[in-house]
Amino acid sequence: MPNTSLPAQAIQSLDIFLNQRKVGVIVRTPGDFNAFSFDEAYRVSGGFPVLSLSFRGATGGLRKDPKPVGRALPAFFANLLPEDKLRDAMEKHHAGAVRPGNDFDLLAALGADLPGAVRALASDGTVLAARDDSKHQPKARFSLAGVQMKLSVMKNTGKGGGLTVPLDDGRGQYIAKFPSTAFPSVSENEFANLALAAAIGMDVPERELVERSDFEGIPEDFGTLTEGKVLLIRRFDREPGGERIHMEDFAQVFGVYPSRKYDGAAYHDIAGAINIAVSPAAALEFVRRLALAVVTGNGDMHLKNWSLIYRGDGANPTLAPIYDVLSTVPYIPADGMALSLGGERSFKAMSAPRWRSLANRARLSEPAVLQAVVETVARINEHWWTLPERAVVPEKVLERIDAHVRAMTPILNALAQK
């Protein structure tokens, strides 16, 4: 019978599952190296359902097992973990079970509820326990990649209603993104930008603004007491019944670590990967979303803010719904693109040569790319100025977004004459 209260150091092996299918194992070796290897039955199957495009060769089959990594997890798995403040909060929440900065420990603690359909469970059935386990306090065991304070939450179905954090084996249906003292009204900003994306025909998750008082049972470790609205977004990697849907972000697709999400690739790399792995039509939808970011001044569309999703049998990806859509220029007036577009990052440099460069490097039709940009600019201006959700955005923030939209519109409209 497995011991259910071993410290993190005692767990040496994690079985990796895609839903119920075992795909491999991560073993912690002497010297603090972490080695991932594919399960032989999964390899014989050809590697389906797909774990990550980064593990597949040019002919479509599985690559050799990646080399062991010292003091870190392989990049795909490192990208499943929270970053910065959210990581600090989760490590504090699991104090005693998770050593600060230890990726393997944190994956072991959060492995039952990771983004997408991946699960990482102790090979011997051990459940990680914190030092205060004697108090029988259940722990939050979800992981959401990224740096913003956001929690996976569920709606209470009882008489009282409200929202709460799922503990132990509970599964969150929504992502709650909490306000920031550094970026005032960021929830309202993103809410309006998501509404704009939906209005111009993009695939956008369900969302609503709620009050901090709507939540109960949030552990103090997560520090969500900042005043302001909370943005609640339906998780698109979970079915209504809680079933997992696999997804991977483009840091995972390209096999780069979270620390390189701003320089590990360029936008033409993403477009090219979508063109090959999904379809040219999906790549043009990526171009439209990129044009939205340029027009609205979103300088944070890095590798982790674009994803592929694997529905059905998990063999073929599609472009995931758009997410993390907000304008950064109200907070960082000199901001530019998160990644390079045609060798440039400045918003005002996004003229025709940049988009032509993207088209050529991604092997897309130049006219189709330019047309997608121009049409997106027209749709934005058709809907943005009368969008009802503008009303929730404070005047100062809205003024800066409006100024950027006005400045960028003629620059991108000029693509129609090229």
Protein backbone atom coordinates (compact mmCIF):
# COMPACT_ATOMS: atom_id res chain seq x y z
CA MET A 1 0.00 0.00 0.00
CA PRO A 2 1.57 3.32 -1.03
CA ASN A 3 2.57 5.87 1.57
CA THR A 4 0.38 8.94 1.13
CA SER A 5 2.43 11.40 3.19
CA LEU A 6 5.99 11.26 1.85
CA PRO A 7 7.98 14.50 1.49
CA ALA A 8 8.70 15.78 -2.00
CA GLN A 9 12.28 14.52 -1.89
CA ALA A 10 11.03 10.92 -1.61
CA ILE A 11 9.05 11.05 -4.86
CA GLN A 12 11.43 10.00 -7.59
CA SER A 13 9.13 9.20 -10.50
CA LEU A 14 6.04 10.76 -12.10
CA ASP A 15 3.86 8.92 -14.60
CA ILE A 16 2.65 11.23 -17.38
CA PHE A 17 -0.88 10.77 -18.71
CA LEU A 18 -2.97 12.34 -21.45
CA ASN A 19 -6.38 11.89 -19.89
CA GLN A 20 -6.33 8.13 -19.15
CA ARG A 21 -3.55 7.22 -21.60
CA LYS A 22 -0.08 6.80 -20.12
CA VAL A 23 2.42 8.45 -22.43
CA GLY A 24 5.65 8.40 -20.42
CA VAL A 25 7.48 8.92 -17.15
CA ILE A 26 9.71 11.60 -15.61
CA VAL A 27 12.39 10.22 -13.30
CA ARG A 28 14.45 12.29 -10.87
CA THR A 29 18.02 11.01 -11.01
CA PRO A 30 21.03 11.63 -8.73
CA GLY A 31 22.49 15.09 -9.14
CA ASP A 32 19.02 16.62 -9.52
CA PHE A 33 18.59 15.68 -13.18
CA ASN A 34 15.11 15.04 -14.57
CA ALA A 35 14.73 12.54 -17.40
CA PHE A 36 11.55 12.08 -19.48
CA SER A 37 11.02 8.93 -21.53
CA PHE A 38 8.04 7.80 -23.58
CA ASP A 39 6.04 4.75 -22.59
CA GLU A 40 6.85 1.94 -25.02
CA ALA A 41 3.20 1.19 -25.82
CA TYR A 42 2.65 4.89 -26.58
CA ARG A 43 5.71 4.93 -28.85
CA VAL A 44 4.50 1.81 -30.69
CA SER A 45 1.14 3.53 -31.29
CA GLY A 46 2.95 6.27 -33.19
CA GLY A 47 2.57 8.76 -30.37
CA PHE A 48 -1.18 9.34 -30.43
CA PRO A 49 -2.93 11.19 -28.98
CA VAL A 50 -0.34 13.93 -29.50
CA LEU A 51 1.44 15.16 -26.39
CA SER A 52 3.33 17.97 -28.14
CA LEU A 53 4.47 18.85 -31.62
CA SER A 54 7.89 19.48 -30.07
CA PHE A 55 8.26 15.73 -29.54
CA ARG A 56 7.52 14.85 -33.17
CA GLY A 57 10.02 14.57 -35.99
CA ALA A 58 9.82 15.91 -39.53
CA THR A 59 8.14 12.70 -40.71
CA GLY A 60 5.50 12.89 -37.98
CA GLY A 61 6.80 10.14 -35.71
CA LEU A 62 8.09 10.51 -32.17
CA ARG A 63 11.61 11.79 -31.65
CA LYS A 64 14.08 10.02 -29.40
CA ASP A 65 13.60 10.57 -25.67
CA PRO A 66 14.92 14.03 -24.73
CA LYS A 67 18.18 14.30 -22.82
CA PRO A 68 17.99 14.62 -19.01
CA VAL A 69 17.85 18.21 -17.78
CA GLY A 70 19.75 19.43 -14.74
CA ARG A 71 17.83 21.37 -12.08
CA ALA A 72 14.81 21.77 -14.35
CA LEU A 73 12.09 19.86 -16.14
CA PRO A 74 12.10 19.39 -19.91
CA ALA A 75 10.70 22.56 -21.50
CA PHE A 76 7.26 21.13 -22.31
CA PHE A 77 6.62 20.29 -18.66
CA ALA A 78 8.23 23.46 -17.28
CA ASN A 79 5.67 25.42 -19.29
CA LEU A 80 2.83 23.72 -17.39
CA LEU A 81 3.87 25.44 -14.15
CA PRO A 82 2.89 28.89 -12.86
CA GLU A 83 5.40 31.74 -12.98
CA ASP A 84 6.56 34.59 -10.74
CA LYS A 85 4.03 35.73 -8.10
CA LEU A 86 1.61 32.90 -8.78
CA ARG A 87 4.42 30.38 -8.46
CA ASP A 88 5.63 32.00 -5.24
CA ALA A 89 2.10 31.82 -3.84
CA MET A 90 1.69 28.17 -4.82
CA GLU A 91 5.05 27.22 -3.29
CA LYS A 92 4.07 29.00 -0.08
CA HIS A 93 0.70 27.24 -0.13
CA HIS A 94 2.51 23.89 -0.35
CA ALA A 95 5.32 24.82 2.06
CA GLY A 96 7.10 21.72 3.29
CA ALA A 97 6.00 19.64 0.33
CA VAL A 98 7.53 21.86 -2.34
CA ARG A 99 11.01 23.32 -2.13
CA PRO A 100 11.27 26.85 -3.59
CA GLY A 101 12.47 26.76 -7.17
CA ASN A 102 12.18 22.98 -7.54
CA ASP A 103 10.20 22.22 -10.70
CA PHE A 104 9.86 18.50 -10.03
CA ASP A 105 8.40 19.10 -6.56
CA LEU A 106 5.89 21.62 -7.91
CA LEU A 107 4.84 19.38 -10.79
CA ALA A 108 4.32 16.55 -8.31
CA ALA A 109 2.13 18.79 -6.14
CA LEU A 110 0.03 20.22 -8.99
CA GLY A 111 0.14 17.34 -11.43
CA ALA A 112 -3.46 16.20 -11.00
CA ASP A 113 -4.86 19.46 -12.46
CA LEU A 114 -2.56 20.91 -15.11
CA PRO A 115 -3.45 22.96 -18.19
CA GLY A 116 -4.86 20.79 -20.96
CA ALA A 117 -5.19 17.04 -20.52
CA VAL A 118 -1.75 16.30 -19.07
CA ARG A 119 -1.53 14.73 -15.62
CA ALA A 120 1.66 13.98 -13.70
CA LEU A 121 1.05 11.44 -10.93
CA ALA A 122 3.50 9.74 -8.60
CA SER A 123 4.40 6.37 -10.11
CA ASP A 124 3.86 4.55 -6.80
CA GLY A 125 0.55 6.26 -6.03
CA THR A 126 2.00 8.63 -3.42
CA VAL A 127 0.09 11.87 -2.81
CA LEU A 128 2.31 14.79 -1.89
CA ALA A 129 1.63 16.12 1.61
CA ALA A 130 2.52 19.46 3.21
CA ARG A 131 3.98 19.86 6.70
CA ASP A 132 0.59 20.81 8.10
CA ASP A 133 -1.00 17.61 6.78
CA SER A 134 -1.85 16.64 10.35
CA LYS A 135 -4.38 19.46 10.34
CA HIS A 136 -6.11 17.74 7.42
CA GLN A 137 -6.23 20.97 5.47
CA PRO A 138 -7.04 20.31 1.80
CA LYS A 139 -4.77 22.06 -0.69
CA ALA A 140 -5.32 23.83 -3.99
CA ARG A 141 -3.65 21.58 -6.57
CA PHE A 142 -4.24 23.33 -9.89
CA SER A 143 -1.64 24.89 -12.16
CA LEU A 144 -2.19 27.78 -14.55
CA ALA A 145 0.77 28.92 -16.60
CA GLY A 146 1.57 32.63 -16.61
CA VAL A 147 2.51 35.42 -14.23
CA GLN A 148 -0.77 37.20 -13.40
CA MET A 149 -2.52 36.29 -10.16
CA LYS A 150 -5.20 33.99 -11.50
CA LEU A 151 -6.94 31.02 -9.96
CA SER A 152 -8.82 28.07 -11.33
CA VAL A 153 -12.27 28.34 -9.73
CA MET A 154 -15.63 26.65 -9.75
CA LYS A 155 -19.16 27.93 -9.33
CA ASN A 156 -20.92 26.68 -6.23
CA THR A 157 -24.13 24.91 -7.11
CA GLY A 158 -25.67 25.17 -3.66
CA LYS A 159 -28.18 27.70 -2.43
CA GLY A 160 -25.54 30.29 -1.61
CA GLY A 161 -23.96 30.22 -5.06
CA GLY A 162 -20.76 32.17 -5.51
CA LEU A 163 -17.29 31.06 -6.56
CA THR A 164 -14.60 29.07 -4.81
CA VAL A 165 -11.20 27.47 -5.36
CA PRO A 166 -11.35 23.70 -5.94
CA LEU A 167 -9.29 21.84 -3.34
CA ASP A 168 -7.50 18.51 -3.65
CA ASP A 169 -9.23 16.69 -6.53
CA GLY A 170 -11.75 19.41 -7.40
CA ARG A 171 -11.62 20.73 -10.96
CA GLY A 172 -12.04 24.39 -11.84
CA GLN A 173 -14.33 25.35 -14.69
CA TYR A 174 -13.25 28.99 -14.88
CA ILE A 175 -10.13 31.12 -14.65
CA ALA A 176 -10.45 34.08 -12.31
CA LYS A 177 -8.00 36.88 -13.16
CA PHE A 178 -7.62 39.26 -10.25
CA PRO A 179 -6.96 43.02 -10.43
CA SER A 180 -3.46 44.44 -10.22
CA THR A 181 -2.15 47.45 -8.32
CA ALA A 182 0.49 47.91 -11.03
CA PHE A 183 -2.02 47.96 -13.91
CA PRO A 184 -5.26 49.69 -12.88
CA SER A 185 -8.50 48.36 -14.37
CA VAL A 186 -6.71 45.57 -16.21
CA SER A 187 -9.78 43.31 -15.80
CA GLU A 188 -12.08 45.87 -17.43
CA ASN A 189 -9.49 46.47 -20.15
CA GLU A 190 -9.29 42.78 -21.05
CA PHE A 191 -13.06 42.33 -20.78
CA ALA A 192 -13.64 45.07 -23.37
CA ASN A 193 -10.91 43.74 -25.68
CA LEU A 194 -12.33 40.22 -25.52
CA ALA A 195 -15.75 41.65 -26.38
CA LEU A 196 -14.19 43.40 -29.37
CA ALA A 197 -12.56 40.17 -30.52
CA ALA A 198 -15.93 38.41 -30.30
CA ALA A 199 -17.68 41.24 -32.14
CA ILE A 200 -15.33 40.92 -35.12
CA GLY A 201 -15.91 37.19 -35.36
CA MET A 202 -13.08 35.62 -33.39
CA ASP A 203 -13.37 32.52 -31.21
CA VAL A 204 -13.54 33.88 -27.65
CA PRO A 205 -14.33 32.04 -24.40
CA GLU A 206 -17.34 33.00 -22.28
CA ARG A 207 -16.40 35.80 -19.87
CA GLU A 208 -17.90 38.12 -17.27
CA LEU A 209 -16.82 40.66 -14.69
CA VAL A 210 -17.53 39.72 -11.08
CA GLU A 211 -16.83 41.17 -7.65
CA ARG A 212 -14.10 40.03 -5.27
CA SER A 213 -16.87 39.51 -2.71
CA ASP A 214 -18.35 36.77 -4.92
CA PHE A 215 -15.48 34.47 -3.89
CA GLU A 216 -15.15 32.40 -0.76
CA GLY A 217 -12.58 30.00 0.59
CA ILE A 218 -9.57 31.45 -1.24
CA PRO A 219 -6.42 30.52 0.72
CA GLU A 220 -4.61 33.54 2.16
CA ASP A 221 -1.40 32.50 0.39
CA PHE A 222 -2.77 33.76 -2.91
CA GLY A 223 -3.10 37.41 -1.89
CA THR A 224 -6.11 38.37 -3.99
CA LEU A 225 -7.32 41.26 -1.84
CA THR A 226 -6.58 44.03 -4.36
CA GLU A 227 -9.64 46.20 -4.95
CA GLY A 228 -11.34 46.05 -8.33
CA LYS A 229 -13.26 43.79 -10.66
CA VAL A 230 -12.30 40.16 -11.29
CA LEU A 231 -12.40 38.82 -14.84
CA LEU A 232 -13.98 35.37 -14.98
CA ILE A 233 -13.28 33.32 -18.12
CA ARG A 234 -14.64 29.90 -19.00
CA ARG A 235 -11.80 27.37 -19.38
CA PHE A 236 -11.72 26.09 -22.95
CA ASP A 237 -9.52 23.15 -21.92
CA ARG A 238 -12.36 21.70 -19.83
CA GLU A 239 -15.66 20.23 -21.01
CA PRO A 240 -18.82 21.26 -19.09
CA GLY A 241 -18.64 17.94 -17.22
CA GLY A 242 -15.03 18.53 -16.23
CA GLU A 243 -13.40 16.31 -18.86
CA ARG A 244 -9.99 17.54 -19.95
CA ILE A 245 -9.16 18.78 -23.45
CA HIS A 246 -5.50 18.77 -24.38
CA MET A 247 -3.76 21.97 -25.44
CA GLU A 248 -0.24 23.33 -25.69
CA ASP A 249 1.08 26.87 -25.98
CA PHE A 250 3.73 27.87 -28.51
CA ALA A 251 6.55 27.86 -25.99
CA GLN A 252 5.74 24.16 -25.70
CA VAL A 253 5.36 23.75 -29.47
CA PHE A 254 8.85 25.20 -30.00
CA GLY A 255 10.38 23.50 -26.96
CA VAL A 256 11.57 26.70 -25.27
CA TYR A 257 11.46 27.55 -21.57
CA PRO A 258 9.08 30.17 -20.12
CA SER A 259 12.04 32.53 -19.59
CA ARG A 260 12.36 32.74 -23.39
CA LYS A 261 8.71 33.43 -24.20
CA TYR A 262 9.64 36.90 -25.52
CA ASP A 263 12.59 35.85 -27.68
CA GLY A 264 12.35 32.12 -28.34
CA ALA A 265 10.72 32.62 -31.75
CA ALA A 266 9.11 35.27 -33.97
CA TYR A 267 5.55 35.71 -35.20
CA HIS A 268 6.38 34.21 -38.59
CA ASP A 269 7.48 31.04 -36.78
CA ILE A 270 4.05 30.74 -35.16
CA ALA A 271 2.28 31.43 -38.45
CA GLY A 272 4.43 28.87 -40.24
CA ALA A 273 3.82 26.21 -37.61
CA ILE A 274 0.05 26.77 -37.77
CA ASN A 275 0.19 26.68 -41.58
CA ILE A 276 1.82 23.24 -41.49
CA ALA A 277 0.20 21.67 -38.41
CA VAL A 278 -3.34 23.01 -38.88
CA SER A 279 -4.09 24.76 -42.19
CA PRO A 280 -3.44 27.94 -44.21
CA ALA A 281 -6.89 29.18 -43.14
CA ALA A 282 -5.93 28.83 -39.47
CA ALA A 283 -2.66 30.65 -40.14
CA LEU A 284 -4.63 33.55 -41.64
CA GLU A 285 -6.83 33.59 -38.54
CA PHE A 286 -3.60 33.94 -36.54
CA VAL A 287 -2.72 36.92 -38.77
CA ARG A 288 -6.10 38.51 -37.99
CA ARG A 289 -5.50 38.08 -34.26
CA LEU A 290 -2.04 39.56 -34.67
CA ALA A 291 -3.55 42.56 -36.48
CA LEU A 292 -5.95 42.99 -33.56
CA ALA A 293 -2.98 43.12 -31.18
CA VAL A 294 -1.25 45.75 -33.33
CA VAL A 295 -4.32 47.99 -33.64
CA THR A 296 -5.31 47.83 -29.97
CA GLY A 297 -1.76 48.08 -28.63
CA ASN A 298 -1.35 44.65 -27.07
CA GLY A 299 2.37 44.25 -26.41
CA ASP A 300 2.10 41.01 -24.46
CA MET A 301 1.23 38.42 -27.10
CA HIS A 302 4.29 36.28 -26.39
CA LEU A 303 4.72 32.56 -27.10
CA LYS A 304 2.60 31.45 -24.16
CA ASN A 305 -0.36 33.56 -25.24
CA TRP A 306 -0.99 31.52 -28.40
CA SER A 307 -2.09 27.89 -28.21
CA LEU A 308 -3.14 24.83 -30.14
CA ILE A 309 -5.97 22.65 -28.88
CA TYR A 310 -6.51 18.93 -29.53
CA ARG A 311 -10.17 17.95 -29.62
CA GLY A 312 -11.71 14.59 -30.41
CA ASP A 313 -9.12 11.81 -30.66
CA GLY A 314 -6.27 14.24 -29.98
CA ALA A 315 -4.45 13.49 -33.23
CA ASN A 316 -4.83 16.84 -34.99
CA PRO A 317 -4.58 20.32 -33.48
CA THR A 318 -6.65 23.38 -34.22
CA LEU A 319 -6.06 26.99 -33.21
CA ALA A 320 -7.27 27.50 -29.64
CA PRO A 321 -9.66 30.34 -28.78
CA ILE A 322 -8.03 33.74 -28.35
CA TYR A 323 -7.06 34.70 -24.79
CA ASP A 324 -5.04 37.24 -22.76
CA VAL A 325 -6.30 40.00 -25.04
CA LEU A 326 -5.81 43.47 -23.59
CA SER A 327 -4.22 46.78 -24.45
CA THR A 328 -0.86 47.32 -22.74
CA VAL A 329 -0.23 50.85 -24.05
CA PRO A 330 -2.29 52.54 -21.28
CA TYR A 331 0.30 51.23 -18.81
CA ILE A 332 3.45 51.17 -20.98
CA PRO A 333 3.08 54.00 -23.54
CA ALA A 334 6.33 53.07 -25.33
CA ASP A 335 5.41 49.39 -25.53
CA GLY A 336 5.90 47.36 -28.69
CA MET A 337 5.13 43.88 -29.93
CA ALA A 338 6.06 40.99 -27.65
CA LEU A 339 7.80 39.17 -30.52
CA SER A 340 9.41 40.26 -33.75
CA LEU A 341 7.21 40.79 -36.80
CA GLY A 342 9.30 41.04 -39.94
CA GLY A 343 12.32 42.05 -37.87
CA GLU A 344 10.52 44.88 -36.02
CA ARG A 345 8.67 45.26 -32.72
CA SER A 346 7.54 48.89 -32.78
CA PHE A 347 3.81 49.17 -33.41
CA LYS A 348 4.26 52.08 -35.81
CA ALA A 349 6.75 50.05 -37.86
CA MET A 350 4.06 47.51 -38.79
CA SER A 351 3.82 48.63 -42.41
CA ALA A 352 3.48 46.44 -45.50
CA PRO A 353 7.11 45.15 -45.63
CA ARG A 354 6.71 43.61 -42.17
CA TRP A 355 3.59 41.68 -43.14
CA ARG A 356 5.10 40.63 -46.47
CA SER A 357 8.08 39.26 -44.60
CA LEU A 358 5.80 37.27 -42.30
CA ALA A 359 3.89 35.89 -45.31
CA ASN A 360 7.04 34.79 -47.11
CA ARG A 361 8.69 33.21 -44.08
CA ALA A 362 5.48 31.39 -43.12
CA ARG A 363 4.86 30.36 -46.75
CA LEU A 364 1.54 32.14 -46.91
CA SER A 365 0.08 34.16 -49.77
CA GLU A 366 1.19 37.81 -49.54
CA PRO A 367 -2.13 39.16 -50.88
CA ALA A 368 -4.08 36.96 -48.47
CA VAL A 369 -2.06 38.17 -45.48
CA LEU A 370 -2.38 41.86 -46.44
CA GLN A 371 -6.11 41.44 -47.06
CA ALA A 372 -6.59 39.72 -43.68
CA VAL A 373 -4.92 42.67 -41.93
CA VAL A 374 -6.89 45.34 -43.79
CA GLU A 375 -10.21 43.56 -43.24
CA THR A 376 -9.47 43.19 -39.53
CA VAL A 377 -8.71 46.90 -39.18
CA ALA A 378 -12.03 47.71 -40.86
CA ARG A 379 -13.95 45.38 -38.55
CA ILE A 380 -12.25 46.81 -35.47
CA ASN A 381 -13.24 50.35 -36.43
CA GLU A 382 -16.75 49.20 -37.29
CA HIS A 383 -17.31 47.80 -33.79
CA TRP A 384 -14.89 49.39 -31.32
CA TRP A 385 -16.30 52.90 -31.16
CA THR A 386 -19.84 51.75 -30.30
CA LEU A 387 -18.97 48.63 -28.33
CA PRO A 388 -21.18 48.50 -25.19
CA GLU A 389 -18.34 47.05 -23.10
CA ARG A 390 -16.37 50.30 -23.51
CA ALA A 391 -18.54 51.63 -20.71
CA VAL A 392 -16.74 49.54 -18.06
CA VAL A 393 -13.27 50.89 -18.95
CA PRO A 394 -12.16 53.99 -16.98
CA GLU A 395 -11.82 57.14 -19.07
CA LYS A 396 -8.03 57.50 -18.79
CA VAL A 397 -7.42 53.92 -19.88
CA LEU A 398 -9.96 54.19 -22.69
CA GLU A 399 -8.45 57.45 -23.99
CA ARG A 400 -5.05 55.81 -24.42
CA ILE A 401 -6.51 52.79 -26.20
CA ASP A 402 -8.56 55.05 -28.49
CA ALA A 403 -5.51 57.16 -29.34
CA HIS A 404 -3.56 54.05 -30.30
CA VAL A 405 -6.39 52.71 -32.48
CA ARG A 406 -6.58 56.06 -34.28
CA ALA A 407 -2.81 56.15 -34.81
CA MET A 408 -2.53 52.58 -36.10
CA THR A 409 -5.57 52.55 -38.40
CA PRO A 410 -4.04 54.60 -41.27
CA ILE A 411 -0.72 52.73 -41.00
CA LEU A 412 -2.41 49.39 -41.54
CA ASN A 413 -5.01 50.71 -43.99
CA ALA A 414 -2.09 51.63 -46.25
CA LEU A 415 -1.57 47.90 -46.82
CA ALA A 416 -4.61 48.01 -49.12
CA GLN A 417 -2.62 50.07 -51.66
CA LYS A 418 0.43 47.80 -51.60
